[in-house]
């Protein structure tokens, strides 16, 4: 059973999040807007963990 606290606080599909992160990488102004967002932080951490596992 899914724990609601595991879900992002904002309605974002994982694919859209990935796209947003890619855009943020090439767009510092956009990155600055989203930097404090908890689900962006969580997604970044997931990506870091995934890189380490490879």
Protein backbone atom coordinates (compact mmCIF):
# COMPACT_ATOMS: atom_id res chain seq x y z
CA UNK A 1 0.00 0.00 0.00
CA UNK A 2 1.25 3.44 -0.93
CA UNK A 3 2.21 5.89 1.76
CA UNK A 4 0.84 9.34 0.83
CA UNK A 5 3.93 10.98 2.36
CA UNK A 6 6.02 9.27 -0.32
CA UNK A 7 4.21 11.18 -3.04
CA UNK A 8 5.44 14.58 -4.23
CA UNK A 9 3.79 17.56 -2.55
CA UNK A 10 3.08 19.03 -5.97
CA UNK A 11 1.43 17.22 -8.86
CA UNK A 12 4.41 16.34 -11.01
CA UNK A 13 4.91 13.30 -13.18
CA UNK A 14 8.37 11.81 -12.82
CA UNK A 15 9.11 12.34 -16.51
CA UNK A 16 8.21 16.01 -16.22
CA UNK A 17 10.45 16.31 -13.19
CA UNK A 18 13.36 14.85 -15.13
CA UNK A 19 12.71 17.29 -17.93
CA UNK A 20 12.51 20.18 -15.47
CA UNK A 21 15.82 19.15 -13.91
CA UNK A 22 17.44 19.02 -17.35
CA UNK A 23 16.12 22.50 -18.12
CA UNK A 24 17.37 23.75 -14.76
CA UNK A 25 20.85 22.47 -15.57
CA UNK A 26 21.03 24.72 -18.62
CA UNK A 27 18.98 27.59 -17.18
CA UNK A 28 20.34 29.07 -13.91
CA UNK A 29 17.40 31.48 -13.56
CA UNK A 30 14.94 28.61 -13.69
CA UNK A 31 17.09 26.59 -11.31
CA UNK A 32 17.08 29.47 -8.82
CA UNK A 33 13.27 29.58 -8.86
CA UNK A 34 12.95 25.91 -7.97
CA UNK A 35 16.03 25.50 -5.78
CA UNK A 36 14.09 25.57 -2.49
CA UNK A 37 11.38 23.19 -3.68
CA UNK A 38 11.28 20.03 -1.54
CA UNK A 39 10.33 17.69 -4.38
CA UNK A 40 13.14 19.01 -6.55
CA UNK A 41 15.56 18.37 -3.69
CA UNK A 42 14.17 14.85 -3.29
CA UNK A 43 14.49 14.17 -7.01
CA UNK A 44 18.08 15.43 -7.02
CA UNK A 45 18.91 13.12 -4.13
CA UNK A 46 17.34 10.19 -6.00
CA UNK A 47 19.47 10.96 -9.04
CA UNK A 48 22.62 11.21 -6.91
CA UNK A 49 21.88 7.83 -5.31
CA UNK A 50 21.21 6.29 -8.72
CA UNK A 51 24.57 7.56 -10.00
CA UNK A 52 26.39 6.04 -7.02
CA UNK A 53 24.70 2.67 -7.54
CA UNK A 54 25.88 2.38 -11.14
